[in-house]
Amino acid sequence: MHPIADKAKLAMLCMQRFSWEQGTAMQALLECGDLEAMAMMAEEAAYRSLEDGRVAMMGSETAVNDPCACGEGMIVASAMPGHEHLKTNVEKLLSWSLELAPRSEKGILFHLGDGVQFWNDSLYMLPPFLCAAGKYDEALHQLYGLFDALRDPETGLLRHIWDEGRQEFADGAFWGSGNGWALAGIARVIAMLPPEKESDRQKLISMNKALLADVIRWQNEDGSYHDIMDKPESFKEWNLSQMVAYAMYRGMADGWLEKDWLPKAEFLFNSVVNAMDDHGRISPVCGAPFFNKPGYSVEAQAFFLLMDAARDKCLAKSSSIIY
């Protein structure tokens, strides 16, 4: 791990968190190997659960898919000594996702309970949890449904929000972080699919490689992105840079991305390190709590840790990557 990773982790743990932020932080700790801290975050997510199975809930109760970001971490934690009772929470969260959550006629879950919208954030929140739970067909159904609804055929990028009721985009912006959520979520699903899903794995690899190439076209010279990728008047930020690098490192470590992507990933990694302050905070990023201005966020701190852990795995295996 990079020497500054501990500061980045401390900054992450000191920030207030909603359900998707709790889940992204848990995933960062999981991939960094800090299972004790991850399990304690899983316990807190379970403590803040609703009767319908959603975990880490606070404030508004409209979130449908965001609580599922905690899912893989909770599955791992429930197998650890002293945390076995979390299996009940995992079962209830899975029941929420498969049976109770509001969804379209084609079975694709809406992002919020007070509307009929698909958000590109959901590509990270939901399919990886379903995969970790062994529900591969449903994970793929959700992933393909969301991706197809949100993808713009001309640019290859994902728009932010599709309204299923009005049959139009409620937010047609090419939001950088939203495309990053998709890249990271798909990378995680690729890694978890079993051998009998090889055709789907190859399809997802093609999808993610194409999305990577389309996103990179909008990268600034310094490695940053604009919050709305095709709008240079929107603020510059660094979280998409980390999300892109994470997908690259995961792709190379997992064997589906060619090793000549490594210089691109290393450039982004070093650019982000240079953007960190003395407290380990990455800024500017699309900032919490409303994500409409530059600032700080739990997800940005988490994605530094995710990127760093994926980088370690990639570099450790780089000598065996042959294409």
Protein backbone atom coordinates (compact mmCIF):
# COMPACT_ATOMS: atom_id res chain seq x y z
CA MET A 1 0.00 0.00 0.00
CA HIS A 2 1.12 3.55 -0.66
CA PRO A 3 2.54 5.30 2.44
CA ILE A 4 -0.26 7.86 2.40
CA ALA A 5 -3.00 5.20 2.35
CA ASP A 6 -3.34 5.22 6.14
CA LYS A 7 -4.08 8.94 6.09
CA ALA A 8 -6.61 8.43 3.31
CA LYS A 9 -8.28 5.69 5.37
CA LEU A 10 -8.40 7.83 8.51
CA ALA A 11 -9.96 10.70 6.57
CA MET A 12 -12.55 8.29 5.14
CA LEU A 13 -13.49 6.89 8.54
CA CYS A 14 -13.88 10.40 9.99
CA MET A 15 -16.44 11.45 7.39
CA GLN A 16 -20.19 11.07 7.89
CA ARG A 17 -21.73 8.35 5.74
CA PHE A 18 -25.01 7.39 4.10
CA SER A 19 -25.76 3.82 2.98
CA TRP A 20 -23.84 3.80 -0.30
CA GLU A 21 -20.91 5.56 1.37
CA GLN A 22 -20.88 2.99 4.18
CA GLY A 23 -20.89 0.23 1.58
CA THR A 24 -18.14 1.75 -0.56
CA ALA A 25 -16.00 2.28 2.53
CA MET A 26 -16.62 -1.33 3.58
CA GLN A 27 -15.59 -2.55 0.14
CA ALA A 28 -12.39 -0.49 0.34
CA LEU A 29 -11.49 -2.04 3.68
CA LEU A 30 -12.33 -5.50 2.33
CA GLU A 31 -10.09 -5.14 -0.71
CA CYS A 32 -7.33 -3.63 1.43
CA GLY A 33 -7.48 -6.67 3.72
CA ASP A 34 -8.59 -4.78 6.85
CA LEU A 35 -11.27 -7.32 7.68
CA GLU A 36 -11.64 -6.38 11.33
CA ALA A 37 -12.57 -2.77 10.52
CA MET A 38 -14.76 -3.94 7.64
CA ALA A 39 -16.65 -6.31 9.95
CA MET A 40 -17.26 -3.55 12.47
CA MET A 41 -18.68 -1.38 9.69
CA ALA A 42 -20.91 -4.31 8.74
CA GLU A 43 -22.13 -4.47 12.34
CA GLU A 44 -23.00 -0.77 12.22
CA ALA A 45 -24.77 -1.24 8.89
CA ALA A 46 -26.85 -4.03 10.46
CA TYR A 47 -27.58 -1.85 13.51
CA ARG A 48 -29.06 0.82 11.22
CA SER A 49 -31.26 -1.62 9.29
CA LEU A 50 -34.96 -1.44 8.49
CA GLU A 51 -37.45 -4.24 8.91
CA ASP A 52 -37.62 -4.70 5.12
CA GLY A 53 -33.93 -5.69 5.07
CA ARG A 54 -32.23 -2.49 3.93
CA VAL A 55 -29.05 -1.79 5.92
CA ALA A 56 -27.06 1.32 6.86
CA MET A 57 -30.18 3.45 6.57
CA MET A 58 -30.32 6.95 7.97
CA GLY A 59 -32.18 10.08 7.00
CA SER A 60 -34.40 9.45 3.99
CA GLU A 61 -35.85 5.97 3.48
CA THR A 62 -36.19 6.27 -0.30
CA ALA A 63 -32.92 4.47 -1.16
CA VAL A 64 -33.55 1.19 -2.99
CA ASN A 65 -30.18 0.03 -4.34
CA ASP A 66 -27.71 2.05 -2.25
CA PRO A 67 -27.93 -0.23 0.82
CA CYS A 68 -26.85 -3.14 -1.39
CA ALA A 69 -23.41 -1.53 -1.66
CA CYS A 70 -22.85 -3.01 1.81
CA GLY A 71 -23.74 -6.49 0.61
CA GLU A 72 -20.43 -8.13 -0.31
CA GLY A 73 -18.77 -6.87 2.87
CA MET A 74 -21.63 -8.16 4.97
CA ILE A 75 -21.42 -11.57 3.32
CA VAL A 76 -17.71 -11.79 4.14
CA ALA A 77 -18.23 -10.48 7.67
CA SER A 78 -21.03 -13.00 8.35
CA ALA A 79 -18.52 -15.82 7.83
CA MET A 80 -16.11 -14.39 10.41
CA PRO A 81 -16.11 -15.62 14.03
CA GLY A 82 -18.27 -13.44 16.24
CA HIS A 83 -20.23 -11.97 13.35
CA GLU A 84 -22.27 -14.99 12.24
CA HIS A 85 -25.52 -13.29 13.23
CA LEU A 86 -25.06 -10.98 10.23
CA LYS A 87 -26.22 -13.86 8.02
CA THR A 88 -29.78 -12.88 8.92
CA ASN A 89 -29.14 -9.36 7.66
CA VAL A 90 -27.63 -10.68 4.45
CA GLU A 91 -30.69 -12.90 3.88
CA LYS A 92 -33.06 -10.00 4.49
CA LEU A 93 -31.10 -7.65 2.23
CA LEU A 94 -31.17 -10.31 -0.48
CA SER A 95 -34.92 -10.75 -0.01
CA TRP A 96 -35.30 -6.98 -0.39
CA SER A 97 -33.34 -7.02 -3.65
CA LEU A 98 -35.03 -10.06 -5.16
CA GLU A 99 -38.61 -9.71 -3.94
CA LEU A 100 -39.58 -6.48 -2.19
CA ALA A 101 -37.81 -3.61 -3.92
CA PRO A 102 -39.81 -1.57 -6.47
CA ARG A 103 -38.96 -2.40 -10.07
CA SER A 104 -40.01 -1.91 -13.67
CA GLU A 105 -42.19 -4.28 -15.70
CA LYS A 106 -38.97 -5.92 -16.92
CA GLY A 107 -37.81 -6.40 -13.34
CA ILE A 108 -35.11 -3.72 -13.22
CA LEU A 109 -34.93 -2.08 -9.79
CA PHE A 110 -35.58 1.64 -9.52
CA HIS A 111 -32.91 3.63 -7.75
CA LEU A 112 -35.30 5.37 -5.35
CA GLY A 113 -38.60 4.28 -3.87
CA ASP A 114 -40.41 7.52 -4.63
CA GLY A 115 -39.93 7.41 -8.40
CA VAL A 116 -39.48 5.18 -11.42
CA GLN A 117 -35.92 6.07 -12.36
CA PHE A 118 -32.79 4.13 -13.25
CA TRP A 119 -29.50 5.74 -12.10
CA ASN A 120 -26.05 4.76 -13.29
CA ASP A 121 -24.94 4.67 -9.63
CA SER A 122 -26.92 1.42 -9.33
CA LEU A 123 -24.47 -0.43 -11.58
CA TYR A 124 -22.04 -0.41 -8.65
CA MET A 125 -24.51 -0.79 -5.80
CA LEU A 126 -26.60 -3.78 -6.86
CA PRO A 127 -25.06 -6.30 -9.34
CA PRO A 128 -21.87 -6.98 -7.32
CA PHE A 129 -23.93 -7.81 -4.23
CA LEU A 130 -26.12 -10.20 -6.20
CA CYS A 131 -23.00 -11.85 -7.64
CA ALA A 132 -21.40 -12.18 -4.21
CA ALA A 133 -24.63 -13.87 -3.06
CA GLY A 134 -24.46 -16.32 -5.97
CA LYS A 135 -27.46 -14.82 -7.81
CA TYR A 136 -25.59 -14.51 -11.10
CA ASP A 137 -28.55 -14.51 -13.47
CA GLU A 138 -30.28 -11.74 -11.56
CA ALA A 139 -27.04 -9.75 -11.29
CA LEU A 140 -26.61 -9.90 -15.06
CA HIS A 141 -30.27 -9.08 -15.67
CA GLN A 142 -29.98 -5.94 -13.56
CA LEU A 143 -26.63 -4.93 -15.05
CA TYR A 144 -27.69 -5.32 -18.67
CA GLY A 145 -31.02 -3.60 -18.05
CA LEU A 146 -29.45 -0.57 -16.41
CA PHE A 147 -26.62 -0.31 -18.92
CA ASP A 148 -28.90 -0.52 -21.94
CA ALA A 149 -31.28 2.10 -20.56
CA LEU A 150 -28.53 4.60 -19.78
CA ARG A 151 -25.98 4.19 -22.57
CA ASP A 152 -25.73 6.90 -25.22
CA PRO A 153 -24.96 5.20 -28.56
CA GLU A 154 -23.16 8.21 -30.04
CA THR A 155 -20.57 8.77 -27.29
CA GLY A 156 -20.62 5.33 -25.66
CA LEU A 157 -20.97 7.08 -22.29
CA LEU A 158 -23.71 6.58 -19.74
CA ARG A 159 -26.21 9.29 -18.99
CA HIS A 160 -27.13 9.76 -15.35
CA ILE A 161 -30.87 9.17 -14.87
CA TRP A 162 -33.54 7.54 -17.06
CA ASP A 163 -37.20 8.05 -16.14
CA GLU A 164 -39.09 4.89 -17.02
CA GLY A 165 -42.48 6.51 -16.59
CA ARG A 166 -41.85 9.46 -18.92
CA GLN A 167 -39.60 7.40 -21.21
CA GLU A 168 -36.96 10.12 -21.24
CA PHE A 169 -33.82 11.12 -19.39
CA ALA A 170 -34.52 12.98 -16.17
CA ASP A 171 -30.83 13.85 -16.11
CA GLY A 172 -29.08 13.27 -19.42
CA ALA A 173 -25.70 14.56 -18.26
CA PHE A 174 -22.54 12.51 -18.78
CA TRP A 175 -21.73 12.65 -15.07
CA GLY A 176 -18.15 11.55 -14.52
CA SER A 177 -18.63 9.76 -11.22
CA GLY A 178 -21.66 7.93 -12.59
CA ASN A 179 -19.58 6.47 -15.40
CA GLY A 180 -16.97 5.60 -12.80
CA TRP A 181 -19.54 3.73 -10.72
CA ALA A 182 -20.35 1.67 -13.81
CA LEU A 183 -16.71 0.90 -14.63
CA ALA A 184 -15.99 -0.22 -11.08
CA GLY A 185 -19.19 -2.22 -10.68
CA ILE A 186 -18.74 -4.10 -13.93
CA ALA A 187 -15.11 -4.86 -13.05
CA ARG A 188 -16.24 -6.44 -9.79
CA VAL A 189 -18.91 -8.52 -11.51
CA ILE A 190 -16.43 -9.79 -14.12
CA ALA A 191 -14.22 -11.07 -11.30
CA MET A 192 -17.04 -12.97 -9.57
CA LEU A 193 -18.74 -14.76 -12.47
CA PRO A 194 -18.33 -18.57 -12.41
CA PRO A 195 -16.96 -20.57 -15.37
CA GLU A 196 -20.44 -21.44 -16.65
CA LYS A 197 -21.01 -17.71 -17.26
CA GLU A 198 -17.99 -17.31 -19.52
CA SER A 199 -20.01 -15.92 -22.43
CA ASP A 200 -21.42 -13.22 -20.15
CA ARG A 201 -17.96 -12.57 -18.77
CA GLN A 202 -16.65 -11.95 -22.28
CA LYS A 203 -19.60 -9.67 -23.02
CA LEU A 204 -18.94 -7.63 -19.88
CA ILE A 205 -15.24 -7.42 -20.71
CA SER A 206 -16.09 -5.96 -24.11
CA MET A 207 -18.54 -3.54 -22.52
CA ASN A 208 -16.08 -2.32 -19.91
CA LYS A 209 -13.15 -2.01 -22.31
CA ALA A 210 -15.32 0.06 -24.65
CA LEU A 211 -16.53 2.26 -21.78
CA LEU A 212 -12.96 2.74 -20.57
CA ALA A 213 -11.87 3.88 -24.02
CA ASP A 214 -14.83 6.25 -24.31
CA VAL A 215 -14.27 7.76 -20.85
CA ILE A 216 -10.54 8.27 -21.41
CA ARG A 217 -11.27 10.51 -24.38
CA TRP A 218 -12.55 13.15 -21.96
CA GLN A 219 -9.57 13.06 -19.59
CA ASN A 220 -7.74 16.36 -19.01
CA GLU A 221 -4.00 16.62 -19.57
CA ASP A 222 -3.31 16.54 -15.83
CA GLY A 223 -5.36 13.34 -15.38
CA SER A 224 -8.44 15.00 -13.91
CA TYR A 225 -11.93 15.10 -15.39
CA HIS A 226 -14.70 17.63 -15.48
CA ASP A 227 -17.67 16.74 -13.29
CA ILE A 228 -19.81 16.61 -16.43
CA MET A 229 -17.30 15.14 -18.81
CA ASP A 230 -18.28 17.00 -21.96
CA LYS A 231 -18.85 20.32 -20.16
CA PRO A 232 -15.52 22.12 -19.59
CA GLU A 233 -17.36 24.82 -17.66
CA SER A 234 -18.17 22.25 -14.94
CA PHE A 235 -15.62 21.91 -12.15
CA LYS A 236 -12.56 19.65 -12.40
CA GLU A 237 -12.39 16.70 -10.04
CA TRP A 238 -10.31 13.60 -9.25
CA ASN A 239 -12.64 10.81 -8.21
CA LEU A 240 -13.37 9.61 -11.73
CA SER A 241 -9.60 9.44 -12.26
CA GLN A 242 -9.40 6.98 -9.36
CA MET A 243 -12.37 4.98 -10.55
CA VAL A 244 -10.87 4.67 -14.02
CA ALA A 245 -7.50 3.62 -12.58
CA TYR A 246 -9.24 1.08 -10.32
CA ALA A 247 -10.99 -0.51 -13.30
CA MET A 248 -7.70 -0.61 -15.20
CA TYR A 249 -5.74 -2.20 -12.36
CA ARG A 250 -8.52 -4.71 -11.69
CA GLY A 251 -8.69 -5.55 -15.38
CA MET A 252 -4.97 -6.21 -15.63
CA ALA A 253 -4.83 -8.13 -12.34
CA ASP A 254 -7.83 -10.26 -13.32
CA GLY A 255 -6.47 -10.93 -16.79
CA TRP A 256 -8.98 -9.19 -19.04
CA LEU A 257 -7.11 -5.97 -19.78
CA GLU A 258 -3.83 -5.80 -21.69
CA LYS A 259 -0.70 -4.85 -19.77
CA ASP A 260 -0.04 -1.84 -22.00
CA TRP A 261 -2.78 -0.06 -20.02
CA LEU A 262 -0.40 0.06 -17.04
CA PRO A 263 1.26 3.41 -17.91
CA LYS A 264 -2.20 5.01 -18.20
CA ALA A 265 -3.19 3.67 -14.79
CA GLU A 266 0.11 4.71 -13.19
CA PHE A 267 -0.26 8.22 -14.60
CA LEU A 268 -3.70 8.54 -12.99
CA PHE A 269 -2.49 7.05 -9.70
CA ASN A 270 0.40 9.48 -9.41
CA SER A 271 -1.79 12.41 -10.45
CA VAL A 272 -4.24 11.62 -7.65
CA VAL A 273 -1.45 11.26 -5.08
CA ASN A 274 -0.25 14.72 -6.05
CA ALA A 275 -3.78 16.07 -5.57
CA MET A 276 -4.03 14.86 -1.95
CA ASP A 277 -3.60 17.26 0.95
CA ASP A 278 -1.50 16.67 4.06
CA HIS A 279 -4.44 14.95 5.76
CA GLY A 280 -4.84 12.37 3.00
CA ARG A 281 -7.98 13.98 1.56
CA ILE A 282 -8.49 13.88 -2.20
CA SER A 283 -9.84 17.18 -3.46
CA PRO A 284 -11.49 18.57 -5.37
CA VAL A 285 -13.93 15.75 -6.04
CA CYS A 286 -17.68 15.76 -6.63
CA GLY A 287 -18.44 16.72 -3.05
CA ALA A 288 -20.83 15.38 -0.45
CA PRO A 289 -23.58 15.67 0.61
CA PHE A 290 -25.36 16.88 -2.55
CA PHE A 291 -22.64 16.15 -5.15
CA ASN A 292 -23.23 19.42 -6.98
CA LYS A 293 -20.00 21.22 -6.12
CA PRO A 294 -16.29 20.49 -5.61
CA GLY A 295 -15.35 19.24 -2.16
CA TYR A 296 -14.65 15.97 -0.31
CA SER A 297 -16.50 12.66 -0.16
CA VAL A 298 -16.36 9.25 1.49
CA GLU A 299 -16.51 7.57 -1.91
CA ALA A 300 -13.45 9.49 -3.11
CA GLN A 301 -11.48 8.42 -0.04
CA ALA A 302 -12.69 4.86 -0.50
CA PHE A 303 -11.73 4.80 -4.15
CA PHE A 304 -8.20 5.85 -3.35
CA LEU A 305 -7.95 2.76 -1.14
CA LEU A 306 -9.66 0.59 -3.75
CA MET A 307 -7.34 1.89 -6.47
CA ASP A 308 -4.28 1.41 -4.27
CA ALA A 309 -5.23 -2.17 -3.36
CA ALA A 310 -5.97 -3.04 -6.99
CA ARG A 311 -2.64 -1.50 -7.98
CA ASP A 312 -0.77 -3.71 -5.51
CA LYS A 313 -2.52 -6.78 -6.89
CA CYS A 314 -1.83 -5.73 -10.46
CA LEU A 315 1.86 -5.00 -9.91
CA ALA A 316 2.32 -8.26 -8.02
CA LYS A 317 0.92 -10.15 -11.02
CA SER A 318 2.34 -7.98 -13.78
CA SER A 319 5.21 -10.31 -14.51
CA SER A 320 2.75 -13.12 -15.25
CA ILE A 321 0.42 -11.08 -17.49
CA ILE A 322 1.09 -12.31 -21.02
CA TYR A 323 -0.78 -11.16 -24.16
